[in-house]
Amino acid sequence: MLAQLDDDGTQRQFWRVPTQAEKLVAQVRALAAPDKRLALEESNLARWLWQLLRPHVAQLVVCDARHNKLISSHHNKKDPRNAFGLARLFRLNELKPVWQLPTDERAFFKSAAQSYEEAVLRQTQLKQQIKSTFQHWGFFPTGTRLYSPEGRGAWLKKLPHADLRAQVELLYASSFASPILWREISDSWNSSLQALTALARSVRGASECLQVYSEELLALSGCFKESMDERVKFTPESAAFRLKERADEKWMLRQFNRAHLTIFPARDHFQPVVFQH
């Protein structure tokens, strides 16, 4: 369901669009609006829609549906009304955005972690169901021998009916099929972890290069500051004082030479010195 509001918040129209990439992109591009802003609720299709429609709109926000009380708590639940309600919340800036994974590597890592948690939860439920079945018939196993391939045969023989043993064997088969799934998940986990580690190393290398570059800039700035300090010390007043000292020394030297009847060429004209700030 795609609903449109104009700049004034007026409901324009809505469309029912099939969940197909070509038709979704065509419908969004067909909207006659110079500035298109789109809001989606977080779901299983949110990331795919986010990647698909983001290049065709000026802004795309994936929001948390649990915070949209205007939609979830309303007594009249209809698709057009929910779509316009979401558009109105988006216009009022009342949506809580959900961060989307920018790269496929991070999405693979998240999917592997979720699969691992689901596999652990599924196997835990199967073990609890097996143990509950034995307790229902008056057997109270303890420890982990009940779930091991060596101990399950002994416990199955204690059950009084063949049909009951067949039910528990089905639970055992489902439980012991999990390690195969675990190995597949582990391989996917390791590959995703390696890709994420390589990405982290590249980011770390870039940060180290940036740190070295910043240290070089700091050193250059220190040298520049020292150079500026030296230039500040060489002021026109200090230069004029030094020039006066040289003139006094030459005058005294001429007087000394005259007193000793020594011929010394007099230089009464000094070249001017220009200082520029």
Foldseek 3Di string as FASTA:
>chain_A
DAWDADPVLDTDDGDDFPPDLVRVQVVLLPDPDPAFEEEAEDDPCVQVVCVRCVVPHPYYFYFHPVQLCVQPVDPDHDDVVNNSSVVVCVVVVNTHGDDDDPDVLVVLLVVLVVLLVVLVVVLVVLVVVLQVLCVVVPDHDDDCLCLDPVRVVVVLVPDDDPVSSVVSVVSSVVNVVSVVVVVVSVVSNVVSVVVVVVVVVVVVVVVVVVVVVVVVVVVVVVVVVVVVVVVVVPDPVVVVVVVVVVVVVVVVVVVVCVVVVHDDDDDPDDDDDDDDD
